[in-house]
Amino acid sequence: MKQARSYDKEYKVQAVKLAKAKGTKRAAEELGVPVNTLGGWVHKAKNGKLDLGLGEQMPKTALTLVAENEELRRQLKERDKEIKRLNELNEFLEEASAFFAASRRKSGKSND
């Protein structure tokens, strides 16, 4: 059984750059990499899932990354609001619990 090869990120980046220059099939042949594997890396690069470095993003991908960044910022803002709300609720519940515990002690009631 043939063991799958592992490629580091820099190798993939250079392979994608070669594929852009020469075409995926020709680059795959030169590198001895399966065409489908190189094609997958090229696809990931186009979708912004394989960072090719500065100046290597396509305009469509760059817009996608900006939109993704905006969405992540929006989600972070929502989570910050939710964390603040939950912290306030938790503080209220702690105060209410302390109040009821104190009133129970004053009335002489126990939990028995």
PDB file of N, CA and C in Angstrom:
ATOM      1  N   MET A   1       0.842  -1.184   0.000  1.00  0.00           N
ATOM      2  CA  MET A   1       0.000   0.000   0.000  1.00  0.00           C
ATOM      3  C   MET A   1       0.887   1.248   0.000  1.00  0.00           C
ATOM      4  N   LYS A   2       0.557   2.211  -0.828  1.00  0.00           N
ATOM      5  CA  LYS A   2       1.345   3.425  -0.968  1.00  0.00           C
ATOM      6  C   LYS A   2       0.975   4.413   0.136  1.00  0.00           C
ATOM      7  N   GLN A   3       2.000   4.967   0.806  1.00  0.00           N
ATOM      8  CA  GLN A   3       1.756   5.922   1.875  1.00  0.00           C
ATOM      9  C   GLN A   3       1.592   7.322   1.281  1.00  0.00           C
ATOM     10  N   ALA A   4       0.616   8.074   1.795  1.00  0.00           N
ATOM     11  CA  ALA A   4       0.349   9.425   1.308  1.00  0.00           C
ATOM     12  C   ALA A   4       1.507  10.339   1.688  1.00  0.00           C
ATOM     13  N   ARG A   5       1.933  11.174   0.724  1.00  0.00           N
ATOM     14  CA  ARG A   5       3.002  12.130   0.996  1.00  0.00           C
ATOM     15  C   ARG A   5       2.435  13.335   1.714  1.00  0.00           C
ATOM     16  N   SER A   6       3.263  13.937   2.517  1.00  0.00           N
ATOM     17  CA  SER A   6       2.883  15.149   3.227  1.00  0.00           C
ATOM     18  C   SER A   6       3.719  16.298   2.672  1.00  0.00           C
ATOM     19  N   TYR A   7       3.069  17.416   2.415  1.00  0.00           N
ATOM     20  CA  TYR A   7       3.744  18.579   1.847  1.00  0.00           C
ATOM     21  C   TYR A   7       3.605  19.749   2.810  1.00  0.00           C
ATOM     22  N   ASP A   8       4.701  20.474   3.031  1.00  0.00           N
ATOM     23  CA  ASP A   8       4.595  21.627   3.918  1.00  0.00           C
ATOM     24  C   ASP A   8       3.982  22.814   3.175  1.00  0.00           C
ATOM     25  N   LYS A   9       3.586  23.826   3.940  1.00  0.00           N
ATOM     26  CA  LYS A   9       2.867  24.970   3.385  1.00  0.00           C
ATOM     27  C   LYS A   9       3.695  25.678   2.316  1.00  0.00           C
ATOM     28  N   GLU A  10       4.969  25.892   2.569  1.00  0.00           N
ATOM     29  CA  GLU A  10       5.817  26.620   1.609  1.00  0.00           C
ATOM     30  C   GLU A  10       5.895  25.872   0.275  1.00  0.00           C
ATOM     31  N   TYR A  11       5.965  24.551   0.332  1.00  0.00           N
ATOM     32  CA  TYR A  11       5.993  23.752  -0.893  1.00  0.00           C
ATOM     33  C   TYR A  11       4.701  23.956  -1.680  1.00  0.00           C
ATOM     34  N   LYS A  12       3.566  23.928  -0.960  1.00  0.00           N
ATOM     35  CA  LYS A  12       2.265  24.122  -1.609  1.00  0.00           C
ATOM     36  C   LYS A  12       2.181  25.501  -2.252  1.00  0.00           C
ATOM     37  N   VAL A  13       2.651  26.519  -1.527  1.00  0.00           N
ATOM     38  CA  VAL A  13       2.614  27.894  -2.042  1.00  0.00           C
ATOM     39  C   VAL A  13       3.432  27.992  -3.331  1.00  0.00           C
ATOM     40  N   GLN A  14       4.634  27.445  -3.320  1.00  0.00           N
ATOM     41  CA  GLN A  14       5.484  27.499  -4.505  1.00  0.00           C
ATOM     42  C   GLN A  14       4.876  26.695  -5.657  1.00  0.00           C
ATOM     43  N   ALA A  15       4.263  25.575  -5.330  1.00  0.00           N
ATOM     44  CA  ALA A  15       3.622  24.747  -6.359  1.00  0.00           C
ATOM     45  C   ALA A  15       2.448  25.499  -7.000  1.00  0.00           C
ATOM     46  N   VAL A  16       1.661  26.198  -6.197  1.00  0.00           N
ATOM     47  CA  VAL A  16       0.528  26.973  -6.725  1.00  0.00           C
ATOM     48  C   VAL A  16       1.032  28.100  -7.618  1.00  0.00           C
ATOM     49  N   LYS A  17       2.104  28.751  -7.202  1.00  0.00           N
ATOM     50  CA  LYS A  17       2.680  29.828  -8.028  1.00  0.00           C
ATOM     51  C   LYS A  17       3.164  29.276  -9.372  1.00  0.00           C
ATOM     52  N   LEU A  18       3.767  28.094  -9.332  1.00  0.00           N
ATOM     53  CA  LEU A  18       4.216  27.459 -10.574  1.00  0.00           C
ATOM     54  C   LEU A  18       3.020  27.085 -11.445  1.00  0.00           C
ATOM     55  N   ALA A  19       1.959  26.599 -10.814  1.00  0.00           N
ATOM     56  CA  ALA A  19       0.745  26.227 -11.557  1.00  0.00           C
ATOM     57  C   ALA A  19       0.125  27.461 -12.208  1.00  0.00           C
ATOM     58  N   LYS A  20       0.170  28.588 -11.543  1.00  0.00           N
ATOM     59  CA  LYS A  20      -0.357  29.828 -12.129  1.00  0.00           C
ATOM     60  C   LYS A  20       0.462  30.245 -13.347  1.00  0.00           C
ATOM     61  N   ALA A  21       1.752  30.003 -13.271  1.00  0.00           N
ATOM     62  CA  ALA A  21       2.638  30.400 -14.361  1.00  0.00           C
ATOM     63  C   ALA A  21       2.597  29.429 -15.539  1.00  0.00           C
ATOM     64  N   LYS A  22       2.529  28.128 -15.264  1.00  0.00           N
ATOM     65  CA  LYS A  22       2.649  27.124 -16.320  1.00  0.00           C
ATOM     66  C   LYS A  22       1.390  26.312 -16.580  1.00  0.00           C
ATOM     67  N   GLY A  23       0.434  26.414 -15.690  1.00  0.00           N
ATOM     68  CA  GLY A  23      -0.755  25.571 -15.791  1.00  0.00           C
ATOM     69  C   GLY A  23      -0.648  24.424 -14.797  1.00  0.00           C
ATOM     70  N   THR A  24      -1.778  24.001 -14.299  1.00  0.00           N
ATOM     71  CA  THR A  24      -1.799  22.996 -13.237  1.00  0.00           C
ATOM     72  C   THR A  24      -1.232  21.659 -13.694  1.00  0.00           C
ATOM     73  N   LYS A  25      -1.632  21.202 -14.869  1.00  0.00           N
ATOM     74  CA  LYS A  25      -1.186  19.887 -15.340  1.00  0.00           C
ATOM     75  C   LYS A  25       0.323  19.855 -15.543  1.00  0.00           C
ATOM     76  N   ARG A  26       0.844  20.862 -16.211  1.00  0.00           N
ATOM     77  CA  ARG A  26       2.287  20.898 -16.492  1.00  0.00           C
ATOM     78  C   ARG A  26       3.091  21.024 -15.201  1.00  0.00           C
ATOM     79  N   ALA A  27       2.635  21.881 -14.289  1.00  0.00           N
ATOM     80  CA  ALA A  27       3.334  22.056 -13.012  1.00  0.00           C
ATOM     81  C   ALA A  27       3.315  20.764 -12.207  1.00  0.00           C
ATOM     82  N   ALA A  28       2.179  20.080 -12.199  1.00  0.00           N
ATOM     83  CA  ALA A  28       2.071  18.812 -11.467  1.00  0.00           C
ATOM     84  C   ALA A  28       3.049  17.783 -12.022  1.00  0.00           C
ATOM     85  N   GLU A  29       3.152  17.725 -13.342  1.00  0.00           N
ATOM     86  CA  GLU A  29       4.094  16.782 -13.969  1.00  0.00           C
ATOM     87  C   GLU A  29       5.532  17.112 -13.575  1.00  0.00           C
ATOM     88  N   GLU A  30       5.874  18.401 -13.614  1.00  0.00           N
ATOM     89  CA  GLU A  30       7.242  18.820 -13.274  1.00  0.00           C
ATOM     90  C   GLU A  30       7.587  18.521 -11.816  1.00  0.00           C
ATOM     91  N   LEU A  31       6.607  18.682 -10.952  1.00  0.00           N
ATOM     92  CA  LEU A  31       6.852  18.495  -9.526  1.00  0.00           C
ATOM     93  C   LEU A  31       6.670  17.051  -9.072  1.00  0.00           C
ATOM     94  N   GLY A  32       6.043  16.236  -9.916  1.00  0.00           N
ATOM     95  CA  GLY A  32       5.781  14.855  -9.527  1.00  0.00           C
ATOM     96  C   GLY A  32       4.665  14.758  -8.491  1.00  0.00           C
ATOM     97  N   VAL A  33       3.733  15.697  -8.582  1.00  0.00           N
ATOM     98  CA  VAL A  33       2.589  15.756  -7.664  1.00  0.00           C
ATOM     99  C   VAL A  33       1.350  15.378  -8.469  1.00  0.00           C
ATOM    100  N   PRO A  34       0.437  14.610  -7.893  1.00  0.00           N
ATOM    101  CA  PRO A  34      -0.809  14.299  -8.603  1.00  0.00           C
ATOM    102  C   PRO A  34      -1.540  15.591  -9.011  1.00  0.00           C
ATOM    103  N   VAL A  35      -2.092  15.597 -10.204  1.00  0.00           N
ATOM    104  CA  VAL A  35      -2.795  16.773 -10.725  1.00  0.00           C
ATOM    105  C   VAL A  35      -3.940  17.175  -9.785  1.00  0.00           C
ATOM    106  N   ASN A  36      -4.672  16.195  -9.279  1.00  0.00           N
ATOM    107  CA  ASN A  36      -5.787  16.497  -8.372  1.00  0.00           C
ATOM    108  C   ASN A  36      -5.307  17.171  -7.087  1.00  0.00           C
ATOM    109  N   THR A  37      -4.155  16.753  -6.598  1.00  0.00           N
ATOM    110  CA  THR A  37      -3.604  17.350  -5.377  1.00  0.00           C
ATOM    111  C   THR A  37      -3.257  18.812  -5.618  1.00  0.00           C
ATOM    112  N   LEU A  38      -2.522  19.069  -6.700  1.00  0.00           N
ATOM    113  CA  LEU A  38      -2.154  20.447  -7.026  1.00  0.00           C
ATOM    114  C   LEU A  38      -3.398  21.273  -7.331  1.00  0.00           C
ATOM    115  N   GLY A  39      -4.343  20.676  -8.011  1.00  0.00           N
ATOM    116  CA  GLY A  39      -5.595  21.375  -8.297  1.00  0.00           C
ATOM    117  C   GLY A  39      -6.327  21.770  -7.025  1.00  0.00           C
ATOM    118  N   GLY A  40      -6.278  20.912  -6.024  1.00  0.00           N
ATOM    119  CA  GLY A  40      -6.884  21.226  -4.727  1.00  0.00           C
ATOM    120  C   GLY A  40      -6.200  22.404  -4.060  1.00  0.00           C
ATOM    121  N   TRP A  41      -4.874  22.457  -4.153  1.00  0.00           N
ATOM    122  CA  TRP A  41      -4.131  23.581  -3.566  1.00  0.00           C
ATOM    123  C   TRP A  41      -4.470  24.885  -4.288  1.00  0.00           C
ATOM    124  N   VAL A  42      -4.565  24.809  -5.610  1.00  0.00           N
ATOM    125  CA  VAL A  42      -4.917  25.997  -6.402  1.00  0.00           C
ATOM    126  C   VAL A  42      -6.311  26.476  -6.002  1.00  0.00           C
ATOM    127  N   HIS A  43      -7.240  25.534  -5.838  1.00  0.00           N
ATOM    128  CA  HIS A  43      -8.607  25.872  -5.431  1.00  0.00           C
ATOM    129  C   HIS A  43      -8.607  26.542  -4.057  1.00  0.00           C
ATOM    130  N   LYS A  44      -7.844  25.986  -3.112  1.00  0.00           N
ATOM    131  CA  LYS A  44      -7.758  26.573  -1.771  1.00  0.00           C
ATOM    132  C   LYS A  44      -7.175  27.989  -1.844  1.00  0.00           C
ATOM    133  N   ALA A  45      -6.178  28.188  -2.690  1.00  0.00           N
ATOM    134  CA  ALA A  45      -5.571  29.512  -2.830  1.00  0.00           C
ATOM    135  C   ALA A  45      -6.590  30.512  -3.371  1.00  0.00           C
ATOM    136  N   LYS A  46      -7.389  30.082  -4.345  1.00  0.00           N
ATOM    137  CA  LYS A  46      -8.412  30.966  -4.917  1.00  0.00           C
ATOM    138  C   LYS A  46      -9.468  31.339  -3.892  1.00  0.00           C
ATOM    139  N   ASN A  47      -9.775  30.418  -2.964  1.00  0.00           N
ATOM    140  CA  ASN A  47     -10.798  30.659  -1.941  1.00  0.00           C
ATOM    141  C   ASN A  47     -10.237  31.289  -0.676  1.00  0.00           C
ATOM    142  N   GLY A  48      -8.945  31.629  -0.701  1.00  0.00           N
ATOM    143  CA  GLY A  48      -8.335  32.269   0.452  1.00  0.00           C
ATOM    144  C   GLY A  48      -8.010  31.327   1.595  1.00  0.00           C
ATOM    145  N   LYS A  49      -8.010  30.026   1.344  1.00  0.00           N
ATOM    146  CA  LYS A  49      -7.728  29.047   2.401  1.00  0.00           C
ATOM    147  C   LYS A  49      -6.265  28.610   2.408  1.00  0.00           C
ATOM    148  N   LEU A  50      -5.510  29.071   1.420  1.00  0.00           N
ATOM    149  CA  LEU A  50      -4.069  28.844   1.387  1.00  0.00           C
ATOM    150  C   LEU A  50      -3.440  30.197   1.106  1.00  0.00           C
ATOM    151  N   ASP A  51      -2.809  30.764   2.111  1.00  0.00           N
ATOM    152  CA  ASP A  51      -2.240  32.100   2.016  1.00  0.00           C
ATOM    153  C   ASP A  51      -0.970  32.058   1.172  1.00  0.00           C
ATOM    154  N   LEU A  52      -0.985  32.774   0.058  1.00  0.00           N
ATOM    155  CA  LEU A  52       0.172  32.806  -0.828  1.00  0.00           C
ATOM    156  C   LEU A  52       1.120  33.954  -0.504  1.00  0.00           C
ATOM    157  N   GLY A  53       0.773  34.739   0.485  1.00  0.00           N
ATOM    158  CA  GLY A  53       1.624  35.864   0.862  1.00  0.00           C
ATOM    159  C   GLY A  53       1.103  37.157   0.263  1.00  0.00           C
ATOM    160  N   LEU A  54       1.757  38.247   0.614  1.00  0.00           N
ATOM    161  CA  LEU A  54       1.345  39.565   0.149  1.00  0.00           C
ATOM    162  C   LEU A  54       1.413  39.673  -1.372  1.00  0.00           C
ATOM    163  N   GLY A  55       0.433  40.326  -1.943  1.00  0.00           N
ATOM    164  CA  GLY A  55       0.428  40.576  -3.379  1.00  0.00           C
ATOM    165  C   GLY A  55       0.018  39.392  -4.223  1.00  0.00           C
ATOM    166  N   GLU A  56      -0.336  38.299  -3.597  1.00  0.00           N
ATOM    167  CA  GLU A  56      -0.672  37.100  -4.361  1.00  0.00           C
ATOM    168  C   GLU A  56      -2.160  36.799  -4.368  1.00  0.00           C
ATOM    169  N   GLN A  57      -2.956  37.580  -3.659  1.00  0.00           N
ATOM    170  CA  GLN A  57      -4.386  37.330  -3.631  1.00  0.00           C
ATOM    171  C   GLN A  57      -5.044  37.892  -4.884  1.00  0.00           C
ATOM    172  N   MET A  58      -5.997  37.174  -5.371  1.00  0.00           N
ATOM    173  CA  MET A  58      -6.786  37.638  -6.502  1.00  0.00           C
ATOM    174  C   MET A  58      -7.801  38.651  -5.979  1.00  0.00           C
ATOM    175  N   PRO A  59      -8.229  39.626  -6.782  1.00  0.00           N
ATOM    176  CA  PRO A  59      -9.200  40.616  -6.299  1.00  0.00           C
ATOM    177  C   PRO A  59     -10.455  39.974  -5.707  1.00  0.00           C
ATOM    178  N   LYS A  60     -10.967  38.931  -6.329  1.00  0.00           N
ATOM    179  CA  LYS A  60     -12.165  38.258  -5.824  1.00  0.00           C
ATOM    180  C   LYS A  60     -11.892  37.674  -4.437  1.00  0.00           C
ATOM    181  N   THR A  61     -10.745  37.053  -4.259  1.00  0.00           N
ATOM    182  CA  THR A  61     -10.370  36.474  -2.980  1.00  0.00           C
ATOM    183  C   THR A  61     -10.178  37.567  -1.939  1.00  0.00           C
ATOM    184  N   ALA A  62      -9.546  38.657  -2.330  1.00  0.00           N
ATOM    185  CA  ALA A  62      -9.312  39.749  -1.390  1.00  0.00           C
ATOM    186  C   ALA A  62     -10.639  40.284  -0.868  1.00  0.00           C
ATOM    187  N   LEU A  63     -11.611  40.441  -1.741  1.00  0.00           N
ATOM    188  CA  LEU A  63     -12.922  40.900  -1.295  1.00  0.00           C
ATOM    189  C   LEU A  63     -13.553  39.884  -0.359  1.00  0.00           C
ATOM    190  N   THR A  64     -13.361  38.625  -0.649  1.00  0.00           N
ATOM    191  CA  THR A  64     -13.896  37.578   0.200  1.00  0.00           C
ATOM    192  C   THR A  64     -13.260  37.654   1.586  1.00  0.00           C
ATOM    193  N   LEU A  65     -11.964  37.901   1.645  1.00  0.00           N
ATOM    194  CA  LEU A  65     -11.274  37.994   2.922  1.00  0.00           C
ATOM    195  C   LEU A  65     -11.741  39.213   3.708  1.00  0.00           C
ATOM    196  N   VAL A  66     -11.977  40.321   3.028  1.00  0.00           N
ATOM    197  CA  VAL A  66     -12.487  41.523   3.692  1.00  0.00           C
ATOM    198  C   VAL A  66     -13.874  41.248   4.259  1.00  0.00           C
ATOM    199  N   ALA A  67     -14.721  40.626   3.460  1.00  0.00           N
ATOM    200  CA  ALA A  67     -16.072  40.301   3.918  1.00  0.00           C
ATOM    201  C   ALA A  67     -16.017  39.342   5.108  1.00  0.00           C
ATOM    202  N   GLU A  68     -15.130  38.371   5.040  1.00  0.00           N
ATOM    203  CA  GLU A  68     -14.995  37.411   6.135  1.00  0.00           C
ATOM    204  C   GLU A  68     -14.519  38.122   7.402  1.00  0.00           C
ATOM    205  N   ASN A  69     -13.575  39.033   7.251  1.00  0.00           N
ATOM    206  CA  ASN A  69     -13.070  39.797   8.383  1.00  0.00           C
ATOM    207  C   ASN A  69     -14.180  40.630   9.016  1.00  0.00           C
ATOM    208  N   GLU A  70     -15.000  41.267   8.188  1.00  0.00           N
ATOM    209  CA  GLU A  70     -16.122  42.050   8.692  1.00  0.00           C
ATOM    210  C   GLU A  70     -17.113  41.168   9.451  1.00  0.00           C
ATOM    211  N   GLU A  71     -17.390  39.994   8.912  1.00  0.00           N
ATOM    212  CA  GLU A  71     -18.306  39.061   9.568  1.00  0.00           C
ATOM    213  C   GLU A  71     -17.749  38.606  10.917  1.00  0.00           C
ATOM    214  N   LEU A  72     -16.454  38.327  10.964  1.00  0.00           N
ATOM    215  CA  LEU A  72     -15.833  37.908  12.219  1.00  0.00           C
ATOM    216  C   LEU A  72     -15.881  39.036  13.251  1.00  0.00           C
ATOM    217  N   ARG A  73     -15.678  40.266  12.807  1.00  0.00           N
ATOM    218  CA  ARG A  73     -15.771  41.411  13.724  1.00  0.00           C
ATOM    219  C   ARG A  73     -17.192  41.560  14.263  1.00  0.00           C
ATOM    220  N   ARG A  74     -18.174  41.375  13.388  1.00  0.00           N
ATOM    221  CA  ARG A  74     -19.576  41.465  13.804  1.00  0.00           C
ATOM    222  C   ARG A  74     -19.891  40.393  14.851  1.00  0.00           C
ATOM    223  N   GLN A  75     -19.427  39.160  14.591  1.00  0.00           N
ATOM    224  CA  GLN A  75     -19.664  38.066  15.533  1.00  0.00           C
ATOM    225  C   GLN A  75     -18.984  38.333  16.870  1.00  0.00           C
ATOM    226  N   LEU A  76     -17.776  38.873  16.819  1.00  0.00           N
ATOM    227  CA  LEU A  76     -17.044  39.189  18.044  1.00  0.00           C
ATOM    228  C   LEU A  76     -17.786  40.245  18.857  1.00  0.00           C
ATOM    229  N   LYS A  77     -18.310  41.253  18.179  1.00  0.00           N
ATOM    230  CA  LYS A  77     -19.072  42.306  18.857  1.00  0.00           C
ATOM    231  C   LYS A  77     -20.321  41.720  19.521  1.00  0.00           C
ATOM    232  N   GLU A  78     -21.024  40.833  18.814  1.00  0.00           N
ATOM    233  CA  GLU A  78     -22.208  40.175  19.370  1.00  0.00           C
ATOM    234  C   GLU A  78     -21.842  39.342  20.600  1.00  0.00           C
ATOM    235  N   ARG A  79     -20.752  38.618  20.520  1.00  0.00           N
ATOM    236  CA  ARG A  79     -20.326  37.784  21.648  1.00  0.00           C
ATOM    237  C   ARG A  79     -19.927  38.640  22.838  1.00  0.00           C
ATOM    238  N   ASP A  80     -19.260  39.766  22.569  1.00  0.00           N
ATOM    239  CA  ASP A  80     -18.900  40.671  23.662  1.00  0.00           C
ATOM    240  C   ASP A  80     -20.151  41.180  24.370  1.00  0.00           C
ATOM    241  N   LYS A  81     -21.181  41.528  23.599  1.00  0.00           N
ATOM    242  CA  LYS A  81     -22.447  41.983  24.192  1.00  0.00           C
ATOM    243  C   LYS A  81     -23.072  40.874  25.031  1.00  0.00           C
ATOM    244  N   GLU A  82     -23.056  39.657  24.494  1.00  0.00           N
ATOM    245  CA  GLU A  82     -23.643  38.521  25.209  1.00  0.00           C
ATOM    246  C   GLU A  82     -22.865  38.224  26.486  1.00  0.00           C
ATOM    247  N   ILE A  83     -21.557  38.308  26.449  1.00  0.00           N
ATOM    248  CA  ILE A  83     -20.731  38.087  27.641  1.00  0.00           C
ATOM    249  C   ILE A  83     -21.048  39.146  28.694  1.00  0.00           C
ATOM    250  N   LYS A  84     -21.181  40.401  28.274  1.00  0.00           N
ATOM    251  CA  LYS A  84     -21.513  41.482  29.202  1.00  0.00           C
ATOM    252  C   LYS A  84     -22.879  41.215  29.848  1.00  0.00           C
ATOM    253  N   ARG A  85     -23.864  40.834  29.031  1.00  0.00           N
ATOM    254  CA  ARG A  85     -25.211  40.548  29.545  1.00  0.00           C
ATOM    255  C   ARG A  85     -25.172  39.396  30.547  1.00  0.00           C
ATOM    256  N   LEU A  86     -24.453  38.337  30.217  1.00  0.00           N
ATOM    257  CA  LEU A  86     -24.371  37.177  31.117  1.00  0.00           C
ATOM    258  C   LEU A  86     -23.633  37.513  32.406  1.00  0.00           C
ATOM    259  N   ASN A  87     -22.596  38.346  32.317  1.00  0.00           N
ATOM    260  CA  ASN A  87     -21.889  38.764  33.528  1.00  0.00           C
ATOM    261  C   ASN A  87     -22.807  39.576  34.439  1.00  0.00           C
ATOM    262  N   GLU A  88     -23.609  40.473  33.837  1.00  0.00           N
ATOM    263  CA  GLU A  88     -24.561  41.261  34.624  1.00  0.00           C
ATOM    264  C   GLU A  88     -25.607  40.358  35.268  1.00  0.00           C
ATOM    265  N   LEU A  89     -26.094  39.398  34.506  1.00  0.00           N
ATOM    266  CA  LEU A  89     -27.084  38.456  35.037  1.00  0.00           C
ATOM    267  C   LEU A  89     -26.488  37.625  36.172  1.00  0.00           C
ATOM    268  N   ASN A  90     -25.272  37.177  35.996  1.00  0.00           N
ATOM    269  CA  ASN A  90     -24.584  36.388  37.015  1.00  0.00           C
ATOM    270  C   ASN A  90     -24.403  37.209  38.295  1.00  0.00           C
ATOM    271  N   GLU A  91     -24.022  38.473  38.140  1.00  0.00           N
ATOM    272  CA  GLU A  91     -23.852  39.352  39.299  1.00  0.00           C
ATOM    273  C   GLU A  91     -25.184  39.534  40.033  1.00  0.00           C
ATOM    274  N   PHE A  92     -26.257  39.735  39.266  1.00  0.00           N
ATOM    275  CA  PHE A  92     -27.590  39.872  39.867  1.00  0.00           C
ATOM    276  C   PHE A  92     -27.968  38.611  40.635  1.00  0.00           C
ATOM    277  N   LEU A  93     -27.731  37.449  40.034  1.00  0.00           N
ATOM    278  CA  LEU A  93     -28.082  36.189  40.686  1.00  0.00           C
ATOM    279  C   LEU A  93     -27.262  35.957  41.953  1.00  0.00           C
ATOM    280  N   GLU A  94     -26.002  36.365  41.938  1.00  0.00           N
ATOM    281  CA  GLU A  94     -25.174  36.241  43.138  1.00  0.00           C
ATOM    282  C   GLU A  94     -25.727  37.122  44.259  1.00  0.00           C
ATOM    283  N   GLU A  95     -26.114  38.354  43.898  1.00  0.00           N
ATOM    284  CA  GLU A  95     -26.681  39.272  44.886  1.00  0.00           C
ATOM    285  C   GLU A  95     -28.015  38.733  45.419  1.00  0.00           C
ATOM    286  N   ALA A  96     -28.854  38.218  44.531  1.00  0.00           N
ATOM    287  CA  ALA A  96     -30.144  37.666  44.951  1.00  0.00           C
ATOM    288  C   ALA A  96     -29.940  36.459  45.858  1.00  0.00           C
ATOM    289  N   SER A  97     -28.988  35.621  45.518  1.00  0.00           N
ATOM    290  CA  SER A  97     -28.697  34.441  46.327  1.00  0.00           C
ATOM    291  C   SER A  97     -28.227  34.863  47.715  1.00  0.00           C
ATOM    292  N   ALA A  98     -27.341  35.858  47.776  1.00  0.00           N
ATOM    293  CA  ALA A  98     -26.846  36.351  49.064  1.00  0.00           C
ATOM    294  C   ALA A  98     -27.994  36.952  49.876  1.00  0.00           C
ATOM    295  N   PHE A  99     -28.877  37.694  49.206  1.00  0.00           N
ATOM    296  CA  PHE A  99     -30.021  38.302  49.881  1.00  0.00           C
ATOM    297  C   PHE A  99     -30.913  37.236  50.505  1.00  0.00           C
ATOM    298  N   PHE A 100     -31.265  36.209  49.724  1.00  0.00           N
ATOM    299  CA  PHE A 100     -32.143  35.163  50.235  1.00  0.00           C
ATOM    300  C   PHE A 100     -31.467  34.331  51.322  1.00  0.00           C
ATOM    301  N   ALA A 101     -30.180  34.112  51.197  1.00  0.00           N
ATOM    302  CA  ALA A 101     -29.452  33.377  52.234  1.00  0.00           C
ATOM    303  C   ALA A 101     -29.457  34.172  53.538  1.00  0.00           C
ATOM    304  N   ALA A 102     -29.247  35.494  53.433  1.00  0.00           N
ATOM    305  CA  ALA A 102     -29.246  36.351  54.628  1.00  0.00           C
ATOM    306  C   ALA A 102     -30.631  36.396  55.252  1.00  0.00           C
ATOM    307  N   SER A 103     -31.666  36.517  54.434  1.00  0.00           N
ATOM    308  CA  SER A 103     -33.030  36.584  54.988  1.00  0.00           C
ATOM    309  C   SER A 103     -33.418  35.255  55.623  1.00  0.00           C
ATOM    310  N   ARG A 104     -32.927  34.168  55.107  1.00  0.00           N
ATOM    311  CA  ARG A 104     -33.213  32.850  55.673  1.00  0.00           C
ATOM    312  C   ARG A 104     -32.536  32.723  57.034  1.00  0.00           C
ATOM    313  N   ARG A 105     -31.297  33.228  57.122  1.00  0.00           N
ATOM    314  CA  ARG A 105     -30.573  33.172  58.405  1.00  0.00           C
ATOM    315  C   ARG A 105     -31.284  34.036  59.453  1.00  0.00           C
ATOM    316  N   LYS A 106     -31.764  35.212  59.020  1.00  0.00           N
ATOM    317  CA  LYS A 106     -32.447  36.113  59.944  1.00  0.00           C
ATOM    318  C   LYS A 106     -33.748  35.499  60.474  1.00  0.00           C
ATOM    319  N   SER A 107     -34.455  34.782  59.619  1.00  0.00           N
ATOM    320  CA  SER A 107     -35.729  34.200  60.042  1.00  0.00           C
ATOM    321  C   SER A 107     -35.545  32.914  60.839  1.00  0.00           C
ATOM    322  N   GLY A 108     -34.326  32.418  60.890  1.00  0.00           N
ATOM    323  CA  GLY A 108     -34.043  31.221  61.655  1.00  0.00           C
ATOM    324  C   GLY A 108     -34.417  29.933  60.945  1.00  0.00           C
ATOM    325  N   LYS A 109     -34.788  30.041  59.703  1.00  0.00           N
ATOM    326  CA  LYS A 109     -35.139  28.843  58.928  1.00  0.00           C
ATOM    327  C   LYS A 109     -33.856  28.181  58.443  1.00  0.00           C
ATOM    328  N   SER A 110     -33.900  26.876  58.333  1.00  0.00           N
ATOM    329  CA  SER A 110     -32.770  26.148  57.758  1.00  0.00           C
ATOM    330  C   SER A 110     -33.290  25.286  56.633  1.00  0.00           C
ATOM    331  N   ASN A 111     -32.408  24.689  55.953  1.00  0.00           N
ATOM    332  CA  ASN A 111     -32.761  23.886  54.777  1.00  0.00           C
ATOM    333  C   ASN A 111     -33.033  22.430  55.160  1.00  0.00           C
ATOM    334  N   ASP A 112     -33.170  22.144  56.452  1.00  0.00           N
ATOM    335  CA  ASP A 112     -33.351  20.764  56.922  1.00  0.00           C
ATOM    336  C   ASP A 112     -34.733  20.245  56.658  1.00  0.00           C
TER     337      ASP A 112
END
